[in-house]
């Protein structure tokens, strides 16, 4: 080894830095339900009882931990005085707001093949 060798060690991160990702549907829907519940000043217990679902399950939906069925989402929406279409519309608006920065736009090559932009 040369006497001029560098004394600097190469640092390898244990975990790679996560790339920006599009928001998940369950996260966005959960945020919409939580925001609507809080605007109304209602508790998880109150909304869960009105929707006839368990408090822990509603909590997991609001935190984006569970992907709720359309029946459960409709029941949660009704318990908040909303329709399922209202919740989905609010979630779509939120997705649009959040997703524009992290979206990778596809482009077409001259042969018509789809290529993802880097």
N, C-alpha and C. Protein backbone atom coordinates (compact mmCIF):
# COMPACT_ATOMS: atom_id res chain seq x y z
N UNK A 1 0.84 -1.18 0.00
CA UNK A 1 0.00 0.00 0.00
C UNK A 1 0.88 1.24 0.00
N UNK A 2 0.51 2.20 -0.72
CA UNK A 2 1.28 3.44 -0.87
C UNK A 2 1.17 4.29 0.38
N UNK A 3 2.22 5.02 0.69
CA UNK A 3 2.18 5.92 1.84
C UNK A 3 1.28 7.12 1.56
N UNK A 4 0.91 7.31 0.29
CA UNK A 4 0.03 8.42 -0.08
C UNK A 4 -1.43 8.01 -0.09
N UNK A 5 -1.72 6.80 0.34
CA UNK A 5 -3.11 6.32 0.33
C UNK A 5 -3.97 7.18 1.24
N UNK A 6 -5.18 7.36 0.85
CA UNK A 6 -6.11 8.19 1.60
C UNK A 6 -6.50 7.51 2.90
N UNK A 7 -6.65 8.30 3.95
CA UNK A 7 -7.10 7.79 5.24
C UNK A 7 -8.62 7.84 5.38
N UNK A 8 -9.30 8.18 4.30
CA UNK A 8 -10.75 8.31 4.35
C UNK A 8 -11.41 6.97 4.04
N UNK A 9 -12.25 6.54 4.92
CA UNK A 9 -13.00 5.31 4.69
C UNK A 9 -14.23 5.62 3.84
N UNK A 10 -14.59 4.68 3.02
CA UNK A 10 -15.79 4.83 2.22
C UNK A 10 -17.00 4.50 3.09
N UNK A 11 -17.98 5.38 3.14
CA UNK A 11 -19.16 5.18 3.97
C UNK A 11 -20.28 4.62 3.10
N UNK A 12 -20.82 3.49 3.53
CA UNK A 12 -21.94 2.87 2.82
C UNK A 12 -23.15 2.96 3.73
N UNK A 13 -24.19 3.67 3.30
CA UNK A 13 -25.37 3.80 4.17
C UNK A 13 -26.03 2.45 4.40
N UNK A 14 -26.57 2.26 5.60
CA UNK A 14 -27.27 1.01 5.92
C UNK A 14 -28.56 0.88 5.15
N UNK A 15 -29.23 1.97 4.96
CA UNK A 15 -30.49 1.98 4.21
C UNK A 15 -30.40 3.05 3.13
N UNK A 16 -30.83 2.71 1.95
CA UNK A 16 -30.82 3.74 0.90
C UNK A 16 -31.83 4.83 1.22
N UNK A 17 -31.56 6.01 0.75
CA UNK A 17 -32.48 7.13 0.95
C UNK A 17 -33.72 6.84 0.11
N UNK A 18 -34.91 6.86 0.72
CA UNK A 18 -36.12 6.53 -0.05
C UNK A 18 -36.41 7.59 -1.11
N UNK A 19 -36.80 7.12 -2.27
CA UNK A 19 -37.19 8.02 -3.35
C UNK A 19 -38.60 8.52 -3.08
N UNK A 20 -38.92 9.67 -3.62
CA UNK A 20 -40.28 10.20 -3.48
C UNK A 20 -41.24 9.22 -4.12
N UNK A 21 -42.35 8.98 -3.47
CA UNK A 21 -43.33 8.06 -4.03
C UNK A 21 -44.69 8.73 -4.09
N UNK A 22 -45.50 8.21 -4.98
CA UNK A 22 -46.86 8.73 -5.05
C UNK A 22 -47.59 8.33 -3.77
N UNK A 23 -48.49 9.17 -3.29
CA UNK A 23 -49.24 8.81 -2.09
C UNK A 23 -50.14 7.61 -2.36
N UNK A 24 -50.31 6.79 -1.36
CA UNK A 24 -51.20 5.63 -1.47
C UNK A 24 -52.64 6.06 -1.26
N UNK A 25 -53.55 5.40 -1.96
CA UNK A 25 -54.98 5.69 -1.85
C UNK A 25 -55.45 5.58 -0.41
N UNK A 26 -55.02 4.52 0.29
CA UNK A 26 -55.49 4.33 1.67
C UNK A 26 -55.03 5.46 2.58
N UNK A 27 -53.84 6.01 2.35
CA UNK A 27 -53.36 7.14 3.15
C UNK A 27 -54.22 8.38 2.91
N UNK A 28 -54.53 8.63 1.65
CA UNK A 28 -55.29 9.82 1.30
C UNK A 28 -56.72 9.71 1.82
N UNK A 29 -57.36 8.58 1.63
CA UNK A 29 -58.73 8.39 2.13
C UNK A 29 -58.76 8.50 3.64
N UNK A 30 -57.79 7.91 4.30
CA UNK A 30 -57.71 8.02 5.76
C UNK A 30 -57.57 9.45 6.22
N UNK A 31 -56.73 10.21 5.53
CA UNK A 31 -56.56 11.63 5.88
C UNK A 31 -57.86 12.41 5.69
N UNK A 32 -58.59 12.11 4.62
CA UNK A 32 -59.87 12.79 4.36
C UNK A 32 -60.86 12.48 5.48
N UNK A 33 -60.98 11.21 5.84
CA UNK A 33 -61.92 10.83 6.90
C UNK A 33 -61.54 11.49 8.23
N UNK A 34 -60.25 11.47 8.58
CA UNK A 34 -59.81 12.08 9.83
C UNK A 34 -60.08 13.58 9.84
N UNK A 35 -59.74 14.24 8.73
CA UNK A 35 -59.94 15.69 8.65
C UNK A 35 -61.42 16.05 8.79
N UNK A 36 -62.28 15.31 8.11
CA UNK A 36 -63.73 15.58 8.22
C UNK A 36 -64.24 15.33 9.63
N UNK A 37 -63.73 14.27 10.27
CA UNK A 37 -64.16 13.96 11.64
C UNK A 37 -63.73 15.07 12.59
N UNK A 38 -62.50 15.53 12.46
CA UNK A 38 -61.98 16.57 13.35
C UNK A 38 -62.67 17.91 13.11
N UNK A 39 -62.97 18.23 11.86
CA UNK A 39 -63.69 19.48 11.55
C UNK A 39 -65.05 19.48 12.26
N UNK A 40 -65.66 18.31 12.35
CA UNK A 40 -66.96 18.19 13.02
C UNK A 40 -66.82 18.09 14.54
N UNK A 41 -65.59 18.01 15.04
CA UNK A 41 -65.37 17.92 16.48
C UNK A 41 -65.84 16.60 17.07
N UNK A 42 -65.76 15.54 16.30
CA UNK A 42 -66.24 14.24 16.75
C UNK A 42 -65.09 13.31 17.11
N UNK A 43 -65.38 12.36 17.96
CA UNK A 43 -64.37 11.39 18.39
C UNK A 43 -64.39 10.16 17.49
N UNK A 44 -63.30 9.41 17.53
CA UNK A 44 -63.26 8.14 16.82
C UNK A 44 -64.41 7.23 17.27
N UNK A 45 -64.63 7.21 18.56
CA UNK A 45 -65.68 6.35 19.12
C UNK A 45 -67.05 6.72 18.57
N UNK A 46 -67.35 8.00 18.54
CA UNK A 46 -68.64 8.47 18.05
C UNK A 46 -68.85 8.06 16.59
N UNK A 47 -67.86 8.30 15.74
CA UNK A 47 -67.99 8.00 14.31
C UNK A 47 -68.02 6.49 14.09
N UNK A 48 -67.18 5.75 14.80
CA UNK A 48 -67.15 4.29 14.65
C UNK A 48 -68.49 3.67 15.05
N UNK A 49 -69.07 4.15 16.14
CA UNK A 49 -70.37 3.62 16.57
C UNK A 49 -71.45 3.93 15.54
N UNK A 50 -71.45 5.14 15.01
CA UNK A 50 -72.44 5.51 14.00
C UNK A 50 -72.27 4.70 12.72
N UNK A 51 -71.02 4.34 12.39
CA UNK A 51 -70.74 3.56 11.19
C UNK A 51 -70.84 2.06 11.43
N UNK A 52 -70.98 1.68 12.69
CA UNK A 52 -71.03 0.27 13.10
C UNK A 52 -69.76 -0.48 12.71
N UNK A 53 -68.63 0.16 12.98
CA UNK A 53 -67.33 -0.48 12.83
C UNK A 53 -66.56 -0.26 14.12
N UNK A 54 -65.53 -1.04 14.35
CA UNK A 54 -64.79 -0.92 15.61
C UNK A 54 -63.92 0.34 15.61
N UNK A 55 -63.69 0.86 16.80
CA UNK A 55 -62.83 2.04 16.96
C UNK A 55 -61.41 1.74 16.47
N UNK A 56 -60.81 0.60 16.85
CA UNK A 56 -59.45 0.33 16.35
C UNK A 56 -59.39 0.25 14.81
N UNK A 57 -60.42 -0.33 14.20
CA UNK A 57 -60.42 -0.45 12.74
C UNK A 57 -60.53 0.93 12.09
N UNK A 58 -61.41 1.78 12.59
CA UNK A 58 -61.52 3.14 12.05
C UNK A 58 -60.21 3.89 12.23
N UNK A 59 -59.58 3.72 13.37
CA UNK A 59 -58.30 4.36 13.62
C UNK A 59 -57.25 3.90 12.59
N UNK A 60 -57.22 2.61 12.32
CA UNK A 60 -56.27 2.09 11.33
C UNK A 60 -56.57 2.60 9.93
N UNK A 61 -57.84 2.76 9.60
CA UNK A 61 -58.21 3.32 8.30
C UNK A 61 -57.73 4.76 8.21
N UNK A 62 -57.99 5.54 9.25
CA UNK A 62 -57.59 6.95 9.26
C UNK A 62 -56.06 7.10 9.15
N UNK A 63 -55.31 6.17 9.72
CA UNK A 63 -53.85 6.24 9.68
C UNK A 63 -53.26 5.60 8.43
N UNK A 64 -54.12 5.10 7.54
CA UNK A 64 -53.65 4.49 6.31
C UNK A 64 -53.05 3.11 6.50
N UNK A 65 -53.36 2.47 7.62
CA UNK A 65 -52.82 1.13 7.90
C UNK A 65 -53.68 0.03 7.29
N UNK A 66 -54.96 0.32 7.07
CA UNK A 66 -55.88 -0.66 6.50
C UNK A 66 -56.53 -0.08 5.26
N UNK A 67 -56.76 -0.94 4.30
CA UNK A 67 -57.46 -0.57 3.06
C UNK A 67 -58.90 -1.02 3.25
N UNK A 68 -59.80 -0.09 3.47
CA UNK A 68 -61.19 -0.41 3.78
C UNK A 68 -61.97 -0.78 2.52
N UNK A 69 -62.95 -1.64 2.69
CA UNK A 69 -63.84 -1.99 1.58
C UNK A 69 -64.75 -0.80 1.27
N UNK A 70 -65.40 -0.85 0.12
CA UNK A 70 -66.31 0.23 -0.25
C UNK A 70 -67.48 0.31 0.72
N UNK A 71 -67.90 -0.82 1.27
CA UNK A 71 -69.01 -0.82 2.24
C UNK A 71 -68.60 -0.09 3.52
N UNK A 72 -67.40 -0.35 3.99
CA UNK A 72 -66.91 0.31 5.21
C UNK A 72 -66.72 1.80 4.95
N UNK A 73 -66.13 2.15 3.79
CA UNK A 73 -65.96 3.57 3.47
C UNK A 73 -67.30 4.29 3.37
N UNK A 74 -68.28 3.64 2.78
CA UNK A 74 -69.61 4.25 2.67
C UNK A 74 -70.22 4.44 4.06
N UNK A 75 -70.05 3.47 4.94
CA UNK A 75 -70.59 3.59 6.30
C UNK A 75 -69.89 4.72 7.06
N UNK A 76 -68.57 4.82 6.92
CA UNK A 76 -67.83 5.90 7.59
C UNK A 76 -68.25 7.24 7.02
N UNK A 77 -68.41 7.33 5.72
CA UNK A 77 -68.86 8.58 5.09
C UNK A 77 -70.24 8.97 5.60
N UNK A 78 -71.18 8.03 5.63
CA UNK A 78 -72.54 8.32 6.12
C UNK A 78 -72.52 8.80 7.56
N UNK A 79 -71.65 8.19 8.37
CA UNK A 79 -71.59 8.59 9.78
C UNK A 79 -71.08 10.02 9.93
N UNK A 80 -70.39 10.52 8.90
CA UNK A 80 -69.90 11.90 8.89
C UNK A 80 -70.85 12.84 8.14
N UNK A 81 -71.99 12.31 7.71
CA UNK A 81 -72.95 13.13 6.97
C UNK A 81 -72.56 13.35 5.52
N UNK A 82 -71.71 12.47 5.00
CA UNK A 82 -71.24 12.58 3.62
C UNK A 82 -71.67 11.35 2.84
N UNK A 83 -71.62 11.47 1.54
CA UNK A 83 -71.81 10.31 0.69
C UNK A 83 -70.46 9.74 0.33
N UNK A 84 -70.46 8.51 -0.17
CA UNK A 84 -69.21 7.90 -0.61
C UNK A 84 -68.58 8.74 -1.72
N UNK A 85 -69.40 9.28 -2.61
CA UNK A 85 -68.87 10.12 -3.70
C UNK A 85 -68.17 11.37 -3.15
N UNK A 86 -68.68 11.91 -2.04
CA UNK A 86 -68.05 13.08 -1.43
C UNK A 86 -66.64 12.74 -0.94
N UNK A 87 -66.51 11.61 -0.26
CA UNK A 87 -65.21 11.19 0.26
C UNK A 87 -64.25 10.92 -0.89
N UNK A 88 -64.74 10.24 -1.92
CA UNK A 88 -63.88 9.92 -3.05
C UNK A 88 -63.46 11.18 -3.80
N UNK A 89 -64.36 12.14 -3.91
CA UNK A 89 -64.03 13.40 -4.58
C UNK A 89 -62.97 14.18 -3.78
N UNK A 90 -63.14 14.23 -2.48
CA UNK A 90 -62.16 14.91 -1.63
C UNK A 90 -60.80 14.20 -1.70
N UNK A 91 -60.83 12.87 -1.74
CA UNK A 91 -59.59 12.10 -1.84
C UNK A 91 -58.92 12.35 -3.18
N UNK A 92 -59.71 12.43 -4.25
CA UNK A 92 -59.14 12.70 -5.57
C UNK A 92 -58.48 14.08 -5.62
N UNK A 93 -59.12 15.07 -5.02
CA UNK A 93 -58.53 16.41 -4.95
C UNK A 93 -57.21 16.38 -4.18
N UNK A 94 -57.18 15.64 -3.08
CA UNK A 94 -55.98 15.52 -2.26
C UNK A 94 -54.87 14.78 -3.03
N UNK A 95 -55.23 13.72 -3.73
CA UNK A 95 -54.25 12.99 -4.55
C UNK A 95 -53.64 13.88 -5.61
N UNK A 96 -54.47 14.67 -6.25
CA UNK A 96 -53.99 15.59 -7.28
C UNK A 96 -53.03 16.59 -6.66
N UNK A 97 -53.38 17.13 -5.51
CA UNK A 97 -52.54 18.11 -4.84
C UNK A 97 -51.20 17.51 -4.43
N UNK A 98 -51.21 16.31 -3.86
CA UNK A 98 -49.99 15.67 -3.37
C UNK A 98 -49.15 15.05 -4.48
N UNK A 99 -49.81 14.50 -5.48
CA UNK A 99 -49.11 13.66 -6.44
C UNK A 99 -48.37 14.36 -7.55
N UNK A 100 -48.60 15.63 -7.78
CA UNK A 100 -47.99 16.28 -8.93
C UNK A 100 -46.47 16.32 -8.83
N UNK A 101 -45.92 16.46 -7.66
CA UNK A 101 -44.47 16.58 -7.50
C UNK A 101 -43.77 15.23 -7.66
N UNK A 102 -44.44 14.14 -7.31
CA UNK A 102 -43.77 12.84 -7.32
C UNK A 102 -44.10 12.00 -8.54
N UNK A 103 -44.89 12.52 -9.45
CA UNK A 103 -45.32 11.74 -10.61
C UNK A 103 -44.22 11.66 -11.66
N UNK A 104 -44.06 10.49 -12.23
CA UNK A 104 -43.13 10.28 -13.33
C UNK A 104 -43.97 10.19 -14.60
N UNK A 105 -43.76 11.11 -15.51
CA UNK A 105 -44.58 11.17 -16.72
C UNK A 105 -44.04 10.22 -17.78
N UNK A 106 -44.92 9.39 -18.35
CA UNK A 106 -44.47 8.52 -19.44
C UNK A 106 -44.31 9.33 -20.72
N UNK A 107 -43.41 8.90 -21.56
CA UNK A 107 -43.26 9.52 -22.86
C UNK A 107 -43.20 8.40 -23.90
N UNK A 108 -43.45 8.73 -25.15
CA UNK A 108 -43.44 7.72 -26.21
C UNK A 108 -42.20 7.90 -27.08
N UNK A 109 -41.63 6.77 -27.46
CA UNK A 109 -40.49 6.80 -28.38
C UNK A 109 -41.01 6.96 -29.79
N UNK A 110 -40.14 7.13 -30.74
CA UNK A 110 -40.56 7.28 -32.13
C UNK A 110 -41.23 6.02 -32.66
N UNK A 111 -41.02 4.87 -32.01
CA UNK A 111 -41.64 3.62 -32.44
C UNK A 111 -42.93 3.36 -31.69
N UNK A 112 -43.39 4.31 -30.88
CA UNK A 112 -44.65 4.17 -30.18
C UNK A 112 -44.57 3.45 -28.85
N UNK A 113 -43.36 3.07 -28.43
CA UNK A 113 -43.21 2.39 -27.15
C UNK A 113 -43.26 3.40 -26.02
N UNK A 114 -43.83 2.99 -24.90
CA UNK A 114 -43.89 3.87 -23.74
C UNK A 114 -42.59 3.77 -22.97
N UNK A 115 -42.03 4.92 -22.63
CA UNK A 115 -40.79 4.98 -21.86
C UNK A 115 -41.03 5.91 -20.68
N UNK A 116 -40.57 5.53 -19.50
CA UNK A 116 -40.72 6.38 -18.32
C UNK A 116 -39.60 7.40 -18.32
N UNK A 117 -39.96 8.64 -18.05
CA UNK A 117 -38.96 9.71 -17.97
C UNK A 117 -38.16 9.54 -16.70
N UNK A 118 -36.89 9.86 -16.76
CA UNK A 118 -36.04 9.73 -15.57
C UNK A 118 -36.09 10.98 -14.75
